[in-house]
PDB file of all heavy atoms in Angstrom:
ATOM      1  N   GLY A   1     -13.482   9.115   0.470  1.00  0.00           N
ATOM      2  CA  GLY A   1     -14.935   9.131   0.336  1.00  0.00           C
ATOM      3  C   GLY A   1     -15.380   8.656  -1.031  1.00  0.00           C
ATOM      4  O   GLY A   1     -14.625   8.018  -1.780  1.00  0.00           O
ATOM      5  N   GLY A   2     -16.614   8.959  -1.385  1.00  0.00           N
ATOM      6  CA  GLY A   2     -17.130   8.588  -2.692  1.00  0.00           C
ATOM      7  C   GLY A   2     -17.411   7.110  -2.854  1.00  0.00           C
ATOM      8  O   GLY A   2     -17.503   6.614  -3.987  1.00  0.00           O
ATOM      9  N   GLY A   3     -17.537   6.380  -1.766  1.00  0.00           N
ATOM     10  CA  GLY A   3     -17.801   4.948  -1.864  1.00  0.00           C
ATOM     11  C   GLY A   3     -16.608   4.123  -2.294  1.00  0.00           C
ATOM     12  O   GLY A   3     -16.760   2.963  -2.694  1.00  0.00           O
ATOM     13  N   ILE A   4     -15.402   4.701  -2.206  1.00  0.00           N
ATOM     14  CA  ILE A   4     -14.192   3.970  -2.594  1.00  0.00           C
ATOM     15  C   ILE A   4     -13.767   3.042  -1.462  1.00  0.00           C
ATOM     16  O   ILE A   4     -13.770   3.426  -0.291  1.00  0.00           O
ATOM     17  CB  ILE A   4     -13.057   4.948  -2.938  1.00  0.00           C
ATOM     18  CG1 ILE A   4     -13.468   5.840  -4.112  1.00  0.00           C
ATOM     19  CG2 ILE A   4     -11.772   4.202  -3.264  1.00  0.00           C
ATOM     20  CD1 ILE A   4     -12.463   6.928  -4.424  1.00  0.00           C
ATOM     21  N   ILE A   5     -13.396   1.801  -1.804  1.00  0.00           N
ATOM     22  CA  ILE A   5     -12.960   0.810  -0.825  1.00  0.00           C
ATOM     23  C   ILE A   5     -11.479   0.518  -1.052  1.00  0.00           C
ATOM     24  O   ILE A   5     -11.069   0.155  -2.168  1.00  0.00           O
ATOM     25  CB  ILE A   5     -13.779  -0.489  -0.942  1.00  0.00           C
ATOM     26  CG1 ILE A   5     -15.261  -0.203  -0.652  1.00  0.00           C
ATOM     27  CG2 ILE A   5     -13.253  -1.549   0.015  1.00  0.00           C
ATOM     28  CD1 ILE A   5     -16.156  -1.399  -0.855  1.00  0.00           C
ATOM     29  N   ASP A   6     -10.668   0.718  -0.021  1.00  0.00           N
ATOM     30  CA  ASP A   6      -9.257   0.336  -0.075  1.00  0.00           C
ATOM     31  C   ASP A   6      -9.153  -1.151   0.262  1.00  0.00           C
ATOM     32  O   ASP A   6      -9.561  -1.574   1.347  1.00  0.00           O
ATOM     33  CB  ASP A   6      -8.428   1.157   0.915  1.00  0.00           C
ATOM     34  CG  ASP A   6      -8.385   2.629   0.546  1.00  0.00           C
ATOM     35  OD1 ASP A   6      -8.486   2.933  -0.654  1.00  0.00           O
ATOM     36  OD2 ASP A   6      -8.259   3.468   1.458  1.00  0.00           O
ATOM     37  N   ALA A   7      -8.617  -1.937  -0.670  1.00  0.00           N
ATOM     38  CA  ALA A   7      -8.548  -3.388  -0.502  1.00  0.00           C
ATOM     39  C   ALA A   7      -7.096  -3.839  -0.363  1.00  0.00           C
ATOM     40  O   ALA A   7      -6.212  -3.376  -1.089  1.00  0.00           O
ATOM     41  CB  ALA A   7      -9.202  -4.099  -1.679  1.00  0.00           C
ATOM     42  N   HIS A   8      -6.860  -4.735   0.578  1.00  0.00           N
ATOM     43  CA  HIS A   8      -5.541  -5.334   0.791  1.00  0.00           C
ATOM     44  C   HIS A   8      -5.739  -6.841   0.999  1.00  0.00           C
ATOM     45  O   HIS A   8      -6.698  -7.248   1.656  1.00  0.00           O
ATOM     46  CB  HIS A   8      -4.836  -4.748   2.019  1.00  0.00           C
ATOM     47  CG  HIS A   8      -4.767  -3.257   2.037  1.00  0.00           C
ATOM     48  ND1 HIS A   8      -5.830  -2.465   2.437  1.00  0.00           N
ATOM     49  CD2 HIS A   8      -3.767  -2.399   1.689  1.00  0.00           C
ATOM     50  CE1 HIS A   8      -5.484  -1.198   2.359  1.00  0.00           C
ATOM     51  NE2 HIS A   8      -4.244  -1.119   1.903  1.00  0.00           N
ATOM     52  N   GLY A   9      -4.836  -7.637   0.469  1.00  0.00           N
ATOM     53  CA  GLY A   9      -4.973  -9.075   0.662  1.00  0.00           C
ATOM     54  C   GLY A   9      -3.920  -9.841  -0.105  1.00  0.00           C
ATOM     55  O   GLY A   9      -3.160  -9.285  -0.908  1.00  0.00           O
ATOM     56  N   MET A  10      -3.880 -11.146   0.130  1.00  0.00           N
ATOM     57  CA  MET A  10      -2.959 -12.029  -0.572  1.00  0.00           C
ATOM     58  C   MET A  10      -3.480 -13.460  -0.505  1.00  0.00           C
ATOM     59  O   MET A  10      -4.367 -13.779   0.300  1.00  0.00           O
ATOM     60  CB  MET A  10      -1.542 -11.947   0.020  1.00  0.00           C
ATOM     61  CG  MET A  10      -1.423 -12.433   1.448  1.00  0.00           C
ATOM     62  SD  MET A  10       0.274 -12.350   2.079  1.00  0.00           S
ATOM     63  CE  MET A  10       0.552 -10.583   2.076  1.00  0.00           C
ATOM     64  N   ASP A  11      -2.930 -14.304  -1.346  1.00  0.00           N
ATOM     65  CA  ASP A  11      -3.273 -15.723  -1.387  1.00  0.00           C
ATOM     66  C   ASP A  11      -1.967 -16.474  -1.542  1.00  0.00           C
ATOM     67  O   ASP A  11      -1.310 -16.378  -2.583  1.00  0.00           O
ATOM     68  CB  ASP A  11      -4.222 -16.002  -2.554  1.00  0.00           C
ATOM     69  CG  ASP A  11      -4.732 -17.436  -2.568  1.00  0.00           C
ATOM     70  OD1 ASP A  11      -4.363 -18.203  -1.660  1.00  0.00           O
ATOM     71  OD2 ASP A  11      -5.502 -17.797  -3.488  1.00  0.00           O
ATOM     72  N   THR A  12      -1.543 -17.226  -0.518  1.00  0.00           N
ATOM     73  CA  THR A  12      -0.215 -17.797  -0.540  1.00  0.00           C
ATOM     74  C   THR A  12      -0.153 -19.099   0.257  1.00  0.00           C
ATOM     75  O   THR A  12      -1.089 -19.445   0.983  1.00  0.00           O
ATOM     76  CB  THR A  12       0.809 -16.792   0.042  1.00  0.00           C
ATOM     77  OG1 THR A  12       2.126 -17.325  -0.094  1.00  0.00           O
ATOM     78  CG2 THR A  12       0.541 -16.523   1.509  1.00  0.00           C
ATOM     79  N   ALA A  13       0.935 -19.813   0.083  1.00  0.00           N
ATOM     80  CA  ALA A  13       1.266 -20.996   0.884  1.00  0.00           C
ATOM     81  C   ALA A  13       2.572 -20.707   1.608  1.00  0.00           C
ATOM     82  O   ALA A  13       3.517 -20.174   1.018  1.00  0.00           O
ATOM     83  CB  ALA A  13       1.399 -22.237   0.001  1.00  0.00           C
ATOM     84  N   ALA A  14       2.617 -21.049   2.885  1.00  0.00           N
ATOM     85  CA  ALA A  14       3.803 -20.752   3.690  1.00  0.00           C
ATOM     86  C   ALA A  14       4.007 -21.861   4.715  1.00  0.00           C
ATOM     87  O   ALA A  14       3.092 -22.641   5.004  1.00  0.00           O
ATOM     88  CB  ALA A  14       3.664 -19.402   4.388  1.00  0.00           C
ATOM     89  N   SER A  15       5.186 -21.915   5.260  1.00  0.00           N
ATOM     90  CA  SER A  15       5.496 -22.886   6.311  1.00  0.00           C
ATOM     91  C   SER A  15       6.462 -22.264   7.297  1.00  0.00           C
ATOM     92  O   SER A  15       7.212 -21.332   6.964  1.00  0.00           O
ATOM     93  CB  SER A  15       6.089 -24.170   5.714  1.00  0.00           C
ATOM     94  OG  SER A  15       7.307 -23.894   5.046  1.00  0.00           O
ATOM     95  N   GLY A  16       6.449 -22.775   8.510  1.00  0.00           N
ATOM     96  CA  GLY A  16       7.327 -22.281   9.562  1.00  0.00           C
ATOM     97  C   GLY A  16       7.180 -23.129  10.807  1.00  0.00           C
ATOM     98  O   GLY A  16       6.447 -24.129  10.820  1.00  0.00           O
ATOM     99  N   ARG A  17       7.861 -22.741  11.852  1.00  0.00           N
ATOM    100  CA  ARG A  17       7.842 -23.502  13.096  1.00  0.00           C
ATOM    101  C   ARG A  17       6.628 -23.125  13.936  1.00  0.00           C
ATOM    102  O   ARG A  17       6.176 -21.980  13.940  1.00  0.00           O
ATOM    103  CB  ARG A  17       9.129 -23.243  13.887  1.00  0.00           C
ATOM    104  CG  ARG A  17      10.384 -23.758  13.195  1.00  0.00           C
ATOM    105  CD  ARG A  17      11.620 -23.402  14.002  1.00  0.00           C
ATOM    106  NE  ARG A  17      11.613 -24.051  15.299  1.00  0.00           N
ATOM    107  CZ  ARG A  17      12.071 -25.279  15.526  1.00  0.00           C
ATOM    108  NH1 ARG A  17      12.549 -26.001  14.519  1.00  0.00           N
ATOM    109  NH2 ARG A  17      12.043 -25.802  16.727  1.00  0.00           N
ATOM    110  N   LEU A  18       6.111 -24.111  14.632  1.00  0.00           N
ATOM    111  CA  LEU A  18       4.989 -23.867  15.525  1.00  0.00           C
ATOM    112  C   LEU A  18       5.385 -22.882  16.621  1.00  0.00           C
ATOM    113  O   LEU A  18       6.493 -22.936  17.152  1.00  0.00           O
ATOM    114  CB  LEU A  18       4.521 -25.187  16.148  1.00  0.00           C
ATOM    115  CG  LEU A  18       3.811 -26.166  15.217  1.00  0.00           C
ATOM    116  CD1 LEU A  18       3.664 -27.525  15.893  1.00  0.00           C
ATOM    117  CD2 LEU A  18       2.441 -25.635  14.805  1.00  0.00           C
ATOM    118  N   GLY A  19       4.478 -21.979  16.967  1.00  0.00           N
ATOM    119  CA  GLY A  19       4.710 -21.040  18.050  1.00  0.00           C
ATOM    120  C   GLY A  19       5.516 -19.823  17.681  1.00  0.00           C
ATOM    121  O   GLY A  19       5.759 -18.977  18.550  1.00  0.00           O
ATOM    122  N   GLU A  20       5.936 -19.689  16.404  1.00  0.00           N
ATOM    123  CA  GLU A  20       6.735 -18.543  15.993  1.00  0.00           C
ATOM    124  C   GLU A  20       5.977 -17.733  14.946  1.00  0.00           C
ATOM    125  O   GLU A  20       5.187 -18.286  14.173  1.00  0.00           O
ATOM    126  CB  GLU A  20       8.080 -18.997  15.421  1.00  0.00           C
ATOM    127  CG  GLU A  20       8.975 -19.709  16.430  1.00  0.00           C
ATOM    128  CD  GLU A  20      10.316 -20.095  15.833  1.00  0.00           C
ATOM    129  OE1 GLU A  20      10.516 -19.827  14.618  1.00  0.00           O
ATOM    130  OE2 GLU A  20      11.156 -20.654  16.565  1.00  0.00           O
ATOM    131  N   TRP A  21       6.238 -16.426  14.929  1.00  0.00           N
ATOM    132  CA  TRP A  21       5.612 -15.565  13.929  1.00  0.00           C
ATOM    133  C   TRP A  21       6.256 -15.817  12.575  1.00  0.00           C
ATOM    134  O   TRP A  21       7.476 -15.814  12.447  1.00  0.00           O
ATOM    135  CB  TRP A  21       5.743 -14.104  14.304  1.00  0.00           C
ATOM    136  CG  TRP A  21       4.817 -13.669  15.399  1.00  0.00           C
ATOM    137  CD1 TRP A  21       5.118 -13.447  16.706  1.00  0.00           C
ATOM    138  CD2 TRP A  21       3.405 -13.417  15.269  1.00  0.00           C
ATOM    139  NE1 TRP A  21       3.990 -13.070  17.402  1.00  0.00           N
ATOM    140  CE2 TRP A  21       2.919 -13.033  16.554  1.00  0.00           C
ATOM    141  CE3 TRP A  21       2.513 -13.464  14.206  1.00  0.00           C
ATOM    142  CZ2 TRP A  21       1.587 -12.720  16.784  1.00  0.00           C
ATOM    143  CZ3 TRP A  21       1.177 -13.145  14.436  1.00  0.00           C
ATOM    144  CH2 TRP A  21       0.727 -12.778  15.710  1.00  0.00           C
ATOM    145  N   ILE A  22       5.407 -16.032  11.563  1.00  0.00           N
ATOM    146  CA  ILE A  22       5.859 -16.322  10.202  1.00  0.00           C
ATOM    147  C   ILE A  22       5.463 -15.148   9.306  1.00  0.00           C
ATOM    148  O   ILE A  22       4.280 -14.819   9.207  1.00  0.00           O
ATOM    149  CB  ILE A  22       5.224 -17.621   9.674  1.00  0.00           C
ATOM    150  CG1 ILE A  22       5.495 -18.783  10.631  1.00  0.00           C
ATOM    151  CG2 ILE A  22       5.740 -17.945   8.280  1.00  0.00           C
ATOM    152  CD1 ILE A  22       4.663 -20.020  10.316  1.00  0.00           C
ATOM    153  N   PRO A  23       6.412 -14.481   8.659  1.00  0.00           N
ATOM    154  CA  PRO A  23       6.043 -13.386   7.746  1.00  0.00           C
ATOM    155  C   PRO A  23       5.444 -13.946   6.456  1.00  0.00           C
ATOM    156  O   PRO A  23       6.024 -14.816   5.811  1.00  0.00           O
ATOM    157  CB  PRO A  23       7.375 -12.676   7.492  1.00  0.00           C
ATOM    158  CG  PRO A  23       8.417 -13.729   7.713  1.00  0.00           C
ATOM    159  CD  PRO A  23       7.884 -14.662   8.768  1.00  0.00           C
ATOM    160  N   LEU A  24       4.282 -13.450   6.090  1.00  0.00           N
ATOM    161  CA  LEU A  24       3.625 -13.901   4.867  1.00  0.00           C
ATOM    162  C   LEU A  24       3.930 -13.008   3.676  1.00  0.00           C
ATOM    163  O   LEU A  24       3.891 -13.450   2.535  1.00  0.00           O
ATOM    164  CB  LEU A  24       2.108 -13.968   5.073  1.00  0.00           C
ATOM    165  CG  LEU A  24       1.600 -14.998   6.076  1.00  0.00           C
ATOM    166  CD1 LEU A  24       0.076 -14.987   6.115  1.00  0.00           C
ATOM    167  CD2 LEU A  24       2.104 -16.395   5.723  1.00  0.00           C
ATOM    168  N   GLY A  25       4.208 -11.729   3.912  1.00  0.00           N
ATOM    169  CA  GLY A  25       4.489 -10.810   2.815  1.00  0.00           C
ATOM    170  C   GLY A  25       3.885  -9.443   3.094  1.00  0.00           C
ATOM    171  O   GLY A  25       3.376  -9.177   4.184  1.00  0.00           O
ATOM    172  N   GLY A  26       3.917  -8.599   2.100  1.00  0.00           N
ATOM    173  CA  GLY A  26       3.377  -7.250   2.258  1.00  0.00           C
ATOM    174  C   GLY A  26       3.548  -6.456   0.985  1.00  0.00           C
ATOM    175  O   GLY A  26       3.960  -6.981  -0.058  1.00  0.00           O
ATOM    176  N   ALA A  27       3.208  -5.191   1.074  1.00  0.00           N
ATOM    177  CA  ALA A  27       3.315  -4.301  -0.079  1.00  0.00           C
ATOM    178  C   ALA A  27       3.570  -2.888   0.419  1.00  0.00           C
ATOM    179  O   ALA A  27       3.172  -2.522   1.530  1.00  0.00           O
ATOM    180  CB  ALA A  27       2.040  -4.345  -0.922  1.00  0.00           C
ATOM    181  N   ALA A  28       4.243  -2.109  -0.408  1.00  0.00           N
ATOM    182  CA  ALA A  28       4.517  -0.708  -0.089  1.00  0.00           C
ATOM    183  C   ALA A  28       4.344   0.116  -1.354  1.00  0.00           C
ATOM    184  O   ALA A  28       4.729  -0.319  -2.453  1.00  0.00           O
ATOM    185  CB  ALA A  28       5.925  -0.530   0.471  1.00  0.00           C
ATOM    186  N   SER A  29       3.759   1.293  -1.209  1.00  0.00           N
ATOM    187  CA  SER A  29       3.555   2.172  -2.367  1.00  0.00           C
ATOM    188  C   SER A  29       3.750   3.621  -1.930  1.00  0.00           C
ATOM    189  O   SER A  29       3.572   3.961  -0.763  1.00  0.00           O
ATOM    190  CB  SER A  29       2.153   1.978  -2.952  1.00  0.00           C
ATOM    191  OG  SER A  29       1.152   2.291  -2.001  1.00  0.00           O
ATOM    192  N   ALA A  30       4.114   4.455  -2.881  1.00  0.00           N
ATOM    193  CA  ALA A  30       4.315   5.882  -2.620  1.00  0.00           C
ATOM    194  C   ALA A  30       3.940   6.657  -3.874  1.00  0.00           C
ATOM    195  O   ALA A  30       4.045   6.150  -4.999  1.00  0.00           O
ATOM    196  CB  ALA A  30       5.756   6.167  -2.223  1.00  0.00           C
ATOM    197  N   TYR A  31       3.495   7.887  -3.675  1.00  0.00           N
ATOM    198  CA  TYR A  31       3.153   8.732  -4.813  1.00  0.00           C
ATOM    199  C   TYR A  31       3.609  10.163  -4.533  1.00  0.00           C
ATOM    200  O   TYR A  31       3.697  10.598  -3.394  1.00  0.00           O
ATOM    201  CB  TYR A  31       1.647   8.693  -5.103  1.00  0.00           C
ATOM    202  CG  TYR A  31       0.782   9.277  -4.012  1.00  0.00           C
ATOM    203  CD1 TYR A  31       0.468  10.634  -3.970  1.00  0.00           C
ATOM    204  CD2 TYR A  31       0.276   8.462  -2.999  1.00  0.00           C
ATOM    205  CE1 TYR A  31      -0.319  11.170  -2.963  1.00  0.00           C
ATOM    206  CE2 TYR A  31      -0.516   8.980  -1.985  1.00  0.00           C
ATOM    207  CZ  TYR A  31      -0.814  10.332  -1.973  1.00  0.00           C
ATOM    208  OH  TYR A  31      -1.584  10.853  -0.975  1.00  0.00           O
ATOM    209  N   HIS A  32       3.906  10.871  -5.608  1.00  0.00           N
ATOM    210  CA  HIS A  32       4.308  12.278  -5.519  1.00  0.00           C
ATOM    211  C   HIS A  32       3.810  12.967  -6.780  1.00  0.00           C
ATOM    212  O   HIS A  32       4.133  12.561  -7.899  1.00  0.00           O
ATOM    213  CB  HIS A  32       5.827  12.417  -5.410  1.00  0.00           C
ATOM    214  CG  HIS A  32       6.289  13.844  -5.339  1.00  0.00           C
ATOM    215  ND1 HIS A  32       6.229  14.585  -4.190  1.00  0.00           N
ATOM    216  CD2 HIS A  32       6.808  14.652  -6.307  1.00  0.00           C
ATOM    217  CE1 HIS A  32       6.695  15.805  -4.431  1.00  0.00           C
ATOM    218  NE2 HIS A  32       7.059  15.867  -5.713  1.00  0.00           N
ATOM    219  N   ASP A  33       3.011  13.987  -6.599  1.00  0.00           N
ATOM    220  CA  ASP A  33       2.404  14.668  -7.734  1.00  0.00           C
ATOM    221  C   ASP A  33       2.539  16.170  -7.526  1.00  0.00           C
ATOM    222  O   ASP A  33       2.225  16.681  -6.453  1.00  0.00           O
ATOM    223  CB  ASP A  33       0.923  14.271  -7.849  1.00  0.00           C
ATOM    224  CG  ASP A  33       0.250  14.978  -9.012  1.00  0.00           C
ATOM    225  OD1 ASP A  33       0.894  15.181 -10.050  1.00  0.00           O
ATOM    226  OD2 ASP A  33      -0.927  15.327  -8.875  1.00  0.00           O
ATOM    227  N   GLN A  34       3.022  16.861  -8.547  1.00  0.00           N
ATOM    228  CA  GLN A  34       3.184  18.307  -8.464  1.00  0.00           C
ATOM    229  C   GLN A  34       2.667  18.935  -9.753  1.00  0.00           C
ATOM    230  O   GLN A  34       3.017  18.506 -10.854  1.00  0.00           O
ATOM    231  CB  GLN A  34       4.651  18.683  -8.247  1.00  0.00           C
ATOM    232  CG  GLN A  34       4.863  20.186  -8.049  1.00  0.00           C
ATOM    233  CD  GLN A  34       6.273  20.516  -7.591  1.00  0.00           C
ATOM    234  OE1 GLN A  34       7.079  19.624  -7.379  1.00  0.00           O
ATOM    235  NE2 GLN A  34       6.569  21.789  -7.436  1.00  0.00           N
ATOM    236  N   GLN A  35       1.831  19.958  -9.592  1.00  0.00           N
ATOM    237  CA  GLN A  35       1.272  20.677 -10.730  1.00  0.00           C
ATOM    238  C   GLN A  35       1.664  22.150 -10.610  1.00  0.00           C
ATOM    239  O   GLN A  35       0.972  22.948  -9.969  1.00  0.00           O
ATOM    240  CB  GLN A  35      -0.249  20.524 -10.760  1.00  0.00           C
ATOM    241  CG  GLN A  35      -0.706  19.088 -10.928  1.00  0.00           C
ATOM    242  CD  GLN A  35      -2.213  18.954 -10.894  1.00  0.00           C
ATOM    243  OE1 GLN A  35      -2.922  19.919 -10.602  1.00  0.00           O
ATOM    244  NE2 GLN A  35      -2.716  17.769 -11.180  1.00  0.00           N
ATOM    245  N   PRO A  36       2.794  22.506 -11.197  1.00  0.00           N
ATOM    246  CA  PRO A  36       3.240  23.912 -11.083  1.00  0.00           C
ATOM    247  C   PRO A  36       2.485  24.809 -12.061  1.00  0.00           C
ATOM    248  O   PRO A  36       1.990  24.369 -13.100  1.00  0.00           O
ATOM    249  CB  PRO A  36       4.724  23.833 -11.431  1.00  0.00           C
ATOM    250  CG  PRO A  36       4.814  22.659 -12.366  1.00  0.00           C
ATOM    251  CD  PRO A  36       3.750  21.684 -11.913  1.00  0.00           C
ATOM    252  N   GLY A  37       2.362  26.044 -11.686  1.00  0.00           N
ATOM    253  CA  GLY A  37       1.751  27.047 -12.548  1.00  0.00           C
ATOM    254  C   GLY A  37       2.477  28.360 -12.412  1.00  0.00           C
ATOM    255  O   GLY A  37       3.450  28.495 -11.649  1.00  0.00           O
ATOM    256  N   VAL A  38       2.017  29.367 -13.139  1.00  0.00           N
ATOM    257  CA  VAL A  38       2.679  30.669 -13.085  1.00  0.00           C
ATOM    258  C   VAL A  38       2.502  31.305 -11.715  1.00  0.00           C
ATOM    259  O   VAL A  38       3.460  31.765 -11.082  1.00  0.00           O
ATOM    260  CB  VAL A  38       2.117  31.589 -14.190  1.00  0.00           C
ATOM    261  CG1 VAL A  38       2.750  32.969 -14.100  1.00  0.00           C
ATOM    262  CG2 VAL A  38       2.370  30.980 -15.561  1.00  0.00           C
ATOM    263  N   LEU A  39       1.270  31.337 -11.222  1.00  0.00           N
ATOM    264  CA  LEU A  39       1.002  31.948  -9.927  1.00  0.00           C
ATOM    265  C   LEU A  39       0.332  30.981  -8.950  1.00  0.00           C
ATOM    266  O   LEU A  39      -0.159  31.417  -7.913  1.00  0.00           O
ATOM    267  CB  LEU A  39       0.125  33.186 -10.115  1.00  0.00           C
ATOM    268  CG  LEU A  39       0.741  34.327 -10.927  1.00  0.00           C
ATOM    269  CD1 LEU A  39      -0.287  35.426 -11.111  1.00  0.00           C
ATOM    270  CD2 LEU A  39       1.991  34.857 -10.261  1.00  0.00           C
ATOM    271  N   ALA A  40       0.288  29.702  -9.300  1.00  0.00           N
ATOM    272  CA  ALA A  40      -0.345  28.715  -8.414  1.00  0.00           C
ATOM    273  C   ALA A  40       0.351  27.372  -8.593  1.00  0.00           C
ATOM    274  O   ALA A  40       0.863  27.052  -9.674  1.00  0.00           O
ATOM    275  CB  ALA A  40      -1.836  28.582  -8.721  1.00  0.00           C
ATOM    276  N   SER A  41       0.396  26.617  -7.540  1.00  0.00           N
ATOM    277  CA  SER A  41       0.990  25.283  -7.612  1.00  0.00           C
ATOM    278  C   SER A  41       0.292  24.378  -6.602  1.00  0.00           C
ATOM    279  O   SER A  41      -0.181  24.840  -5.558  1.00  0.00           O
ATOM    280  CB  SER A  41       2.493  25.337  -7.326  1.00  0.00           C
ATOM    281  OG  SER A  41       2.723  25.753  -5.980  1.00  0.00           O
ATOM    282  N   THR A  42       0.231  23.091  -6.953  1.00  0.00           N
ATOM    283  CA  THR A  42      -0.381  22.086  -6.085  1.00  0.00           C
ATOM    284  C   THR A  42       0.568  20.906  -5.968  1.00  0.00           C
ATOM    285  O   THR A  42       1.124  20.443  -6.978  1.00  0.00           O
ATOM    286  CB  THR A  42      -1.732  21.610  -6.653  1.00  0.00           C
ATOM    287  OG1 THR A  42      -2.606  22.735  -6.786  1.00  0.00           O
ATOM    288  CG2 THR A  42      -2.373  20.587  -5.735  1.00  0.00           C
ATOM    289  N   ARG A  43       0.754  20.429  -4.747  1.00  0.00           N
ATOM    290  CA  ARG A  43       1.650  19.296  -4.499  1.00  0.00           C
ATOM    291  C   ARG A  43       0.928  18.259  -3.642  1.00  0.00           C
ATOM    292  O   ARG A  43       0.278  18.623  -2.644  1.00  0.00           O
ATOM    293  CB  ARG A  43       2.926  19.755  -3.792  1.00  0.00           C
ATOM    294  CG  ARG A  43       3.816  20.628  -4.646  1.00  0.00           C
ATOM    295  CD  ARG A  43       5.058  21.077  -3.890  1.00  0.00           C
ATOM    296  NE  ARG A  43       4.716  21.962  -2.761  1.00  0.00           N
ATOM    297  CZ  ARG A  43       4.505  23.265  -2.895  1.00  0.00           C
ATOM    298  NH1 ARG A  43       4.543  23.836  -4.081  1.00  0.00           N
ATOM    299  NH2 ARG A  43       4.223  23.998  -1.846  1.00  0.00           N
TER     300      ARG A  43
END
């Protein structure tokens, strides 16, 4: 929320055979956050 926009895209040149699926690329990301406390923790 908050008016945030998730953006994905690329700008590339590629070649392949007609009639076949050609992979253009992609991206992968991961995050892990932990805030330990004496009597409370958030993960």
